[in-house]
Amino acid sequence: MEEEARMVKAVGMKKQGTNLEHILSACSESLKDGRYTWRHDKVLAVLADTLERNVKKPRATKGGLKFVNFVKEGETGPRAGVEGNGLLGTATDWKMRVDLKQRMEFPSEIAVTNKRPDFVIWSAKTKQAVLLELTVPWEENIEEAY
């Protein structure tokens, strides 16, 4: 129902000549109405779903990350094979928390803090943590907004 009401409002704004740039970056009505948070949370939910599926996917660890070997100008480096597991392939005990729907508590096994990034993914076994903060701006006005 809330989704439908937002769509009706968006169509009405378009008919009034309001453009997307204004709605996404400079509209005091959008800010007051919670549309920026709503948009952020919609993108966050899609990313969280994808990340959760990948975190839960069983995989064998491959013994660590592969780093880029930089090559000086004019020289050639060794050919690299394609690795498909990335960071998630370095551990099998990943846990994930997302600051969505309810107030997320930062995992105390990592640190004691009241900070709340959008995502925390961590492995206790390998002592790795990934903190992600999502920003969904309209790029032209980002400097003025922050």
N, C-alpha and C. Protein backbone atom coordinates (compact mmCIF):
# COMPACT_ATOMS: atom_id res chain seq x y z
N MET A 1 0.82 -1.20 0.00
CA MET A 1 0.00 0.00 0.00
C MET A 1 0.87 1.26 0.00
N GLU A 2 1.89 1.28 0.86
CA GLU A 2 2.79 2.44 0.93
C GLU A 2 3.50 2.62 -0.41
N GLU A 3 3.88 1.51 -1.02
CA GLU A 3 4.57 1.53 -2.32
C GLU A 3 3.67 2.17 -3.38
N GLU A 4 2.40 1.81 -3.36
CA GLU A 4 1.44 2.34 -4.33
C GLU A 4 1.26 3.85 -4.14
N ALA A 5 1.18 4.29 -2.89
CA ALA A 5 1.03 5.72 -2.59
C ALA A 5 2.24 6.50 -3.08
N ARG A 6 3.43 5.94 -2.93
CA ARG A 6 4.65 6.60 -3.40
C ARG A 6 4.64 6.73 -4.92
N MET A 7 4.16 5.69 -5.60
CA MET A 7 4.10 5.73 -7.07
C MET A 7 3.13 6.82 -7.54
N VAL A 8 1.97 6.91 -6.91
CA VAL A 8 0.98 7.93 -7.27
C VAL A 8 1.59 9.32 -7.07
N LYS A 9 2.29 9.51 -5.96
CA LYS A 9 2.92 10.80 -5.67
C LYS A 9 4.00 11.12 -6.71
N ALA A 10 4.79 10.12 -7.09
CA ALA A 10 5.86 10.32 -8.08
C ALA A 10 5.28 10.71 -9.43
N VAL A 11 4.20 10.07 -9.84
CA VAL A 11 3.56 10.40 -11.12
C VAL A 11 3.03 11.83 -11.07
N GLY A 12 2.45 12.21 -9.95
CA GLY A 12 1.95 13.58 -9.79
C GLY A 12 3.07 14.61 -9.88
N MET A 13 4.21 14.31 -9.29
CA MET A 13 5.35 15.23 -9.35
C MET A 13 5.86 15.37 -10.77
N LYS A 14 5.87 14.26 -11.51
CA LYS A 14 6.33 14.31 -12.90
C LYS A 14 5.41 15.19 -13.73
N LYS A 15 4.11 15.08 -13.51
CA LYS A 15 3.13 15.90 -14.24
C LYS A 15 3.33 17.38 -13.94
N GLN A 16 3.81 17.70 -12.74
CA GLN A 16 4.06 19.09 -12.36
C GLN A 16 5.37 19.62 -12.93
N GLY A 17 6.14 18.76 -13.58
CA GLY A 17 7.40 19.18 -14.18
C GLY A 17 8.62 19.02 -13.29
N THR A 18 8.47 18.30 -12.19
CA THR A 18 9.61 18.07 -11.31
C THR A 18 10.53 17.05 -11.95
N ASN A 19 11.83 17.37 -12.02
CA ASN A 19 12.75 16.43 -12.67
C ASN A 19 13.44 15.52 -11.65
N LEU A 20 14.02 14.45 -12.17
CA LEU A 20 14.65 13.43 -11.33
C LEU A 20 15.80 14.00 -10.50
N GLU A 21 16.61 14.87 -11.08
CA GLU A 21 17.73 15.47 -10.34
C GLU A 21 17.23 16.18 -9.10
N HIS A 22 16.17 16.96 -9.25
CA HIS A 22 15.60 17.69 -8.12
C HIS A 22 15.10 16.72 -7.04
N ILE A 23 14.38 15.70 -7.46
CA ILE A 23 13.80 14.75 -6.52
C ILE A 23 14.88 14.01 -5.74
N LEU A 24 15.98 13.64 -6.43
CA LEU A 24 17.01 12.81 -5.79
C LEU A 24 18.05 13.59 -5.01
N SER A 25 18.12 14.93 -5.17
CA SER A 25 19.23 15.60 -4.51
C SER A 25 18.92 16.94 -3.86
N ALA A 26 17.83 17.56 -4.17
CA ALA A 26 17.67 18.92 -3.67
C ALA A 26 16.26 19.22 -3.16
N CYS A 27 15.45 18.21 -3.03
CA CYS A 27 14.04 18.43 -2.72
C CYS A 27 13.79 18.34 -1.21
N SER A 28 13.41 19.46 -0.61
CA SER A 28 13.15 19.45 0.83
C SER A 28 11.93 18.59 1.16
N GLU A 29 10.97 18.52 0.24
CA GLU A 29 9.81 17.65 0.44
C GLU A 29 10.22 16.18 0.50
N SER A 30 11.15 15.79 -0.39
CA SER A 30 11.64 14.40 -0.39
C SER A 30 12.34 14.08 0.92
N LEU A 31 13.12 15.03 1.41
CA LEU A 31 13.83 14.84 2.67
C LEU A 31 12.84 14.69 3.82
N LYS A 32 11.88 15.62 3.87
CA LYS A 32 10.88 15.62 4.94
C LYS A 32 10.00 14.36 4.89
N ASP A 33 9.70 13.90 3.69
CA ASP A 33 8.82 12.75 3.48
C ASP A 33 9.53 11.41 3.67
N GLY A 34 10.86 11.43 3.85
CA GLY A 34 11.60 10.19 4.06
C GLY A 34 11.93 9.43 2.79
N ARG A 35 11.81 10.11 1.64
CA ARG A 35 12.07 9.41 0.37
C ARG A 35 13.52 9.05 0.17
N TYR A 36 14.45 9.85 0.69
CA TYR A 36 15.87 9.53 0.54
C TYR A 36 16.20 8.25 1.31
N THR A 37 15.67 8.15 2.52
CA THR A 37 15.89 6.94 3.33
C THR A 37 15.23 5.74 2.67
N TRP A 38 14.02 5.94 2.15
CA TRP A 38 13.30 4.86 1.48
C TRP A 38 14.11 4.34 0.29
N ARG A 39 14.63 5.25 -0.53
CA ARG A 39 15.43 4.87 -1.70
C ARG A 39 16.70 4.13 -1.28
N HIS A 40 17.39 4.66 -0.29
CA HIS A 40 18.60 4.03 0.25
C HIS A 40 18.29 2.61 0.72
N ASP A 41 17.20 2.44 1.47
CA ASP A 41 16.85 1.14 2.02
C ASP A 41 16.44 0.14 0.95
N LYS A 42 15.82 0.61 -0.13
CA LYS A 42 15.46 -0.28 -1.24
C LYS A 42 16.71 -0.83 -1.92
N VAL A 43 17.68 0.03 -2.18
CA VAL A 43 18.95 -0.41 -2.79
C VAL A 43 19.68 -1.33 -1.82
N LEU A 44 19.70 -0.96 -0.54
CA LEU A 44 20.36 -1.77 0.49
C LEU A 44 19.75 -3.17 0.57
N ALA A 45 18.43 -3.28 0.46
CA ALA A 45 17.76 -4.59 0.53
C ALA A 45 18.18 -5.50 -0.62
N VAL A 46 18.29 -4.94 -1.82
CA VAL A 46 18.71 -5.73 -2.98
C VAL A 46 20.16 -6.21 -2.79
N LEU A 47 21.03 -5.30 -2.37
CA LEU A 47 22.43 -5.67 -2.13
C LEU A 47 22.55 -6.70 -1.01
N ALA A 48 21.77 -6.53 0.05
CA ALA A 48 21.82 -7.45 1.19
C ALA A 48 21.40 -8.86 0.77
N ASP A 49 20.36 -8.95 -0.06
CA ASP A 49 19.90 -10.25 -0.53
C ASP A 49 21.00 -10.95 -1.34
N THR A 50 21.63 -10.21 -2.24
CA THR A 50 22.70 -10.77 -3.06
C THR A 50 23.90 -11.18 -2.21
N LEU A 51 24.31 -10.30 -1.31
CA LEU A 51 25.45 -10.62 -0.44
C LEU A 51 25.16 -11.82 0.46
N GLU A 52 23.94 -11.88 0.99
CA GLU A 52 23.60 -12.99 1.88
C GLU A 52 23.68 -14.33 1.15
N ARG A 53 23.17 -14.37 -0.08
CA ARG A 53 23.26 -15.61 -0.87
C ARG A 53 24.72 -16.00 -1.09
N ASN A 54 25.57 -15.03 -1.36
CA ASN A 54 26.98 -15.32 -1.60
C ASN A 54 27.75 -15.67 -0.34
N VAL A 55 27.39 -15.07 0.77
CA VAL A 55 28.04 -15.38 2.05
C VAL A 55 27.70 -16.81 2.47
N LYS A 56 26.45 -17.22 2.23
CA LYS A 56 26.00 -18.56 2.65
C LYS A 56 26.43 -19.66 1.68
N LYS A 57 26.87 -19.29 0.49
CA LYS A 57 27.24 -20.28 -0.52
C LYS A 57 28.44 -21.09 -0.03
N PRO A 58 28.30 -22.44 -0.02
CA PRO A 58 29.45 -23.24 0.41
C PRO A 58 30.59 -23.13 -0.59
N ARG A 59 31.79 -23.00 -0.08
CA ARG A 59 32.96 -22.90 -0.95
C ARG A 59 34.17 -23.40 -0.20
N ALA A 60 35.10 -23.92 -0.94
CA ALA A 60 36.37 -24.34 -0.35
C ALA A 60 37.30 -23.14 -0.34
N THR A 61 38.04 -22.97 0.72
CA THR A 61 38.98 -21.85 0.77
C THR A 61 40.17 -22.16 -0.11
N LYS A 62 40.75 -21.11 -0.65
CA LYS A 62 41.89 -21.28 -1.56
C LYS A 62 43.18 -20.73 -0.98
N GLY A 63 43.25 -20.63 0.34
CA GLY A 63 44.51 -20.28 0.98
C GLY A 63 44.90 -18.82 0.98
N GLY A 64 44.02 -17.91 0.73
CA GLY A 64 44.37 -16.50 0.84
C GLY A 64 44.08 -15.72 -0.42
N LEU A 65 44.20 -14.43 -0.29
CA LEU A 65 43.93 -13.53 -1.41
C LEU A 65 45.09 -13.51 -2.38
N LYS A 66 44.77 -13.26 -3.61
CA LYS A 66 45.80 -13.06 -4.63
C LYS A 66 45.91 -11.54 -4.84
N PHE A 67 47.10 -11.03 -4.81
CA PHE A 67 47.31 -9.60 -4.96
C PHE A 67 47.83 -9.29 -6.36
N VAL A 68 47.61 -8.07 -6.78
CA VAL A 68 48.06 -7.61 -8.10
C VAL A 68 49.57 -7.39 -8.05
N ASN A 69 50.27 -7.93 -9.02
CA ASN A 69 51.71 -7.68 -9.15
C ASN A 69 51.88 -6.54 -10.15
N PHE A 70 52.35 -5.41 -9.68
CA PHE A 70 52.54 -4.28 -10.57
C PHE A 70 53.79 -4.49 -11.42
N VAL A 71 53.71 -4.05 -12.66
CA VAL A 71 54.80 -4.25 -13.62
C VAL A 71 55.26 -2.88 -14.10
N LYS A 72 56.56 -2.68 -14.17
CA LYS A 72 57.10 -1.41 -14.65
C LYS A 72 56.81 -1.24 -16.13
N GLU A 73 56.77 0.01 -16.55
CA GLU A 73 56.52 0.34 -17.94
C GLU A 73 57.54 -0.35 -18.84
N GLY A 74 57.05 -0.96 -19.91
CA GLY A 74 57.92 -1.63 -20.86
C GLY A 74 58.22 -3.08 -20.53
N GLU A 75 57.90 -3.52 -19.31
CA GLU A 75 58.13 -4.91 -18.92
C GLU A 75 56.83 -5.69 -19.04
N THR A 76 56.93 -7.00 -19.05
CA THR A 76 55.73 -7.83 -19.05
C THR A 76 55.74 -8.68 -17.79
N GLY A 77 54.57 -8.86 -17.25
CA GLY A 77 54.45 -9.64 -16.02
C GLY A 77 53.92 -11.03 -16.31
N PRO A 78 53.84 -11.85 -15.28
CA PRO A 78 53.31 -13.21 -15.47
C PRO A 78 51.82 -13.16 -15.77
N ARG A 79 51.36 -14.11 -16.56
CA ARG A 79 49.93 -14.20 -16.86
C ARG A 79 49.20 -14.70 -15.61
N ALA A 80 48.10 -14.05 -15.30
CA ALA A 80 47.33 -14.43 -14.12
C ALA A 80 46.16 -15.30 -14.53
N GLY A 81 45.86 -16.31 -13.72
CA GLY A 81 44.68 -17.14 -13.94
C GLY A 81 43.46 -16.44 -13.40
N VAL A 82 42.30 -16.90 -13.74
CA VAL A 82 41.06 -16.29 -13.27
C VAL A 82 40.65 -16.95 -11.96
N GLU A 83 40.48 -16.14 -10.93
CA GLU A 83 40.01 -16.63 -9.64
C GLU A 83 38.57 -16.18 -9.47
N GLY A 84 37.69 -17.07 -9.04
CA GLY A 84 36.29 -16.72 -8.94
C GLY A 84 35.74 -16.50 -7.55
N ASN A 85 36.50 -16.78 -6.50
CA ASN A 85 35.96 -16.69 -5.15
C ASN A 85 36.19 -15.36 -4.47
N GLY A 86 37.19 -14.60 -4.87
CA GLY A 86 37.47 -13.31 -4.26
C GLY A 86 37.65 -13.41 -2.75
N LEU A 87 37.29 -12.36 -2.06
CA LEU A 87 37.46 -12.29 -0.61
C LEU A 87 36.65 -13.37 0.11
N LEU A 88 35.44 -13.65 -0.37
CA LEU A 88 34.61 -14.64 0.31
C LEU A 88 35.20 -16.04 0.24
N GLY A 89 36.11 -16.28 -0.68
CA GLY A 89 36.76 -17.58 -0.79
C GLY A 89 37.87 -17.79 0.22
N THR A 90 38.14 -16.79 1.05
CA THR A 90 39.24 -16.91 2.02
C THR A 90 38.79 -17.45 3.38
N ALA A 91 37.48 -17.67 3.56
CA ALA A 91 36.97 -18.19 4.83
C ALA A 91 35.69 -18.97 4.58
N THR A 92 35.33 -19.81 5.54
CA THR A 92 34.10 -20.61 5.42
C THR A 92 33.09 -20.29 6.51
N ASP A 93 33.41 -19.36 7.39
CA ASP A 93 32.54 -19.06 8.53
C ASP A 93 31.99 -17.63 8.51
N TRP A 94 31.76 -17.07 7.33
CA TRP A 94 31.30 -15.69 7.22
C TRP A 94 29.96 -15.50 7.92
N LYS A 95 29.83 -14.38 8.61
CA LYS A 95 28.57 -13.94 9.20
C LYS A 95 28.29 -12.55 8.66
N MET A 96 27.01 -12.18 8.65
CA MET A 96 26.66 -10.88 8.07
C MET A 96 25.55 -10.23 8.88
N ARG A 97 25.67 -8.92 9.05
CA ARG A 97 24.59 -8.11 9.63
C ARG A 97 24.36 -6.91 8.73
N VAL A 98 23.09 -6.52 8.62
CA VAL A 98 22.71 -5.40 7.77
C VAL A 98 21.85 -4.45 8.59
N ASP A 99 22.10 -3.16 8.45
CA ASP A 99 21.33 -2.14 9.16
C ASP A 99 20.07 -1.82 8.35
N LEU A 100 19.13 -2.75 8.41
CA LEU A 100 17.91 -2.64 7.61
C LEU A 100 16.74 -3.12 8.46
N LYS A 101 15.65 -2.40 8.44
CA LYS A 101 14.42 -2.71 9.17
C LYS A 101 14.53 -2.49 10.67
N GLN A 102 15.53 -3.05 11.33
CA GLN A 102 15.70 -2.78 12.75
C GLN A 102 17.11 -2.26 12.98
N ARG A 103 17.31 -1.61 14.10
CA ARG A 103 18.62 -1.03 14.41
C ARG A 103 19.65 -2.14 14.61
N MET A 104 20.67 -2.14 13.77
CA MET A 104 21.70 -3.17 13.84
C MET A 104 22.66 -2.88 14.99
N GLU A 105 23.04 -3.93 15.71
CA GLU A 105 24.09 -3.81 16.71
C GLU A 105 25.38 -4.28 16.08
N PHE A 106 26.42 -3.47 16.22
CA PHE A 106 27.72 -3.84 15.68
C PHE A 106 28.23 -5.07 16.43
N PRO A 107 28.77 -6.07 15.73
CA PRO A 107 29.24 -7.29 16.40
C PRO A 107 30.33 -6.99 17.43
N SER A 108 30.07 -7.33 18.69
CA SER A 108 31.02 -7.02 19.76
C SER A 108 32.31 -7.84 19.64
N GLU A 109 32.27 -8.95 18.90
CA GLU A 109 33.50 -9.73 18.73
C GLU A 109 34.50 -9.02 17.81
N ILE A 110 34.03 -8.02 17.06
CA ILE A 110 34.93 -7.21 16.22
C ILE A 110 35.40 -5.99 17.01
N ALA A 111 34.44 -5.24 17.55
CA ALA A 111 34.76 -4.03 18.32
C ALA A 111 33.51 -3.59 19.07
N VAL A 112 33.71 -2.85 20.13
CA VAL A 112 32.59 -2.27 20.86
C VAL A 112 32.47 -0.83 20.41
N THR A 113 31.37 -0.54 19.72
CA THR A 113 31.15 0.79 19.16
C THR A 113 29.67 1.01 18.95
N ASN A 114 29.27 2.27 18.88
CA ASN A 114 27.88 2.56 18.55
C ASN A 114 27.74 2.93 17.07
N LYS A 115 28.80 2.79 16.31
CA LYS A 115 28.75 3.05 14.86
C LYS A 115 27.92 1.97 14.19
N ARG A 116 27.24 2.35 13.11
CA ARG A 116 26.37 1.41 12.41
C ARG A 116 26.56 1.51 10.90
N PRO A 117 27.56 0.82 10.36
CA PRO A 117 27.67 0.80 8.90
C PRO A 117 26.48 0.03 8.33
N ASP A 118 26.22 0.18 7.05
CA ASP A 118 25.09 -0.52 6.45
C ASP A 118 25.28 -2.04 6.45
N PHE A 119 26.50 -2.50 6.21
CA PHE A 119 26.80 -3.93 6.21
C PHE A 119 28.02 -4.20 7.08
N VAL A 120 28.00 -5.32 7.79
CA VAL A 120 29.21 -5.85 8.43
C VAL A 120 29.25 -7.33 8.05
N ILE A 121 30.33 -7.74 7.43
CA ILE A 121 30.55 -9.14 7.08
C ILE A 121 31.87 -9.52 7.75
N TRP A 122 31.89 -10.64 8.50
CA TRP A 122 33.12 -10.98 9.20
C TRP A 122 33.31 -12.48 9.33
N SER A 123 34.56 -12.83 9.50
CA SER A 123 34.97 -14.22 9.74
C SER A 123 35.81 -14.22 11.01
N ALA A 124 35.35 -14.94 12.02
CA ALA A 124 36.11 -15.05 13.27
C ALA A 124 37.35 -15.91 13.07
N LYS A 125 37.21 -16.95 12.25
CA LYS A 125 38.33 -17.87 12.03
C LYS A 125 39.54 -17.17 11.41
N THR A 126 39.29 -16.36 10.39
CA THR A 126 40.41 -15.70 9.69
C THR A 126 40.64 -14.27 10.16
N LYS A 127 39.82 -13.82 11.11
CA LYS A 127 39.95 -12.46 11.67
C LYS A 127 39.89 -11.39 10.58
N GLN A 128 38.88 -11.51 9.73
CA GLN A 128 38.65 -10.53 8.68
C GLN A 128 37.29 -9.88 8.91
N ALA A 129 37.19 -8.60 8.61
CA ALA A 129 35.92 -7.90 8.69
C ALA A 129 35.80 -6.95 7.51
N VAL A 130 34.61 -6.88 6.96
CA VAL A 130 34.33 -5.97 5.85
C VAL A 130 33.17 -5.08 6.30
N LEU A 131 33.39 -3.77 6.27
CA LEU A 131 32.35 -2.81 6.61
C LEU A 131 31.99 -2.07 5.33
N LEU A 132 30.70 -1.99 5.05
CA LEU A 132 30.24 -1.30 3.84
C LEU A 132 29.24 -0.22 4.21
N GLU A 133 29.41 0.93 3.61
CA GLU A 133 28.48 2.04 3.80
C GLU A 133 27.94 2.42 2.43
N LEU A 134 26.63 2.42 2.29
CA LEU A 134 25.99 2.71 1.01
C LEU A 134 25.56 4.17 0.95
N THR A 135 25.85 4.80 -0.15
CA THR A 135 25.37 6.16 -0.43
C THR A 135 24.74 6.13 -1.81
N VAL A 136 23.54 6.69 -1.93
CA VAL A 136 22.82 6.66 -3.19
C VAL A 136 22.49 8.10 -3.59
N PRO A 137 23.49 8.86 -4.07
CA PRO A 137 23.28 10.27 -4.38
C PRO A 137 22.96 10.53 -5.85
N TRP A 138 22.59 11.76 -6.13
CA TRP A 138 22.59 12.27 -7.49
C TRP A 138 23.92 12.98 -7.61
N GLU A 139 24.79 12.52 -8.48
CA GLU A 139 26.19 12.94 -8.46
C GLU A 139 26.43 14.44 -8.64
N GLU A 140 25.61 15.12 -9.40
CA GLU A 140 25.86 16.54 -9.66
C GLU A 140 25.81 17.40 -8.41
N ASN A 141 25.01 17.04 -7.42
CA ASN A 141 24.87 17.89 -6.23
C ASN A 141 25.54 17.30 -4.99
N ILE A 142 26.37 16.30 -5.16
CA ILE A 142 26.95 15.63 -4.00
C ILE A 142 27.85 16.56 -3.19
N GLU A 143 28.61 17.43 -3.85
CA GLU A 143 29.50 18.35 -3.13
C GLU A 143 28.70 19.33 -2.27
N GLU A 144 27.58 19.83 -2.80
CA GLU A 144 26.77 20.78 -2.04
C GLU A 144 26.07 20.10 -0.86
N ALA A 145 25.76 18.82 -1.01
CA ALA A 145 25.02 18.10 0.04
C ALA A 145 25.90 17.76 1.23
N TYR A 146 27.21 17.60 1.00
CA TYR A 146 28.09 17.17 2.09
C TYR A 146 29.15 18.17 2.36
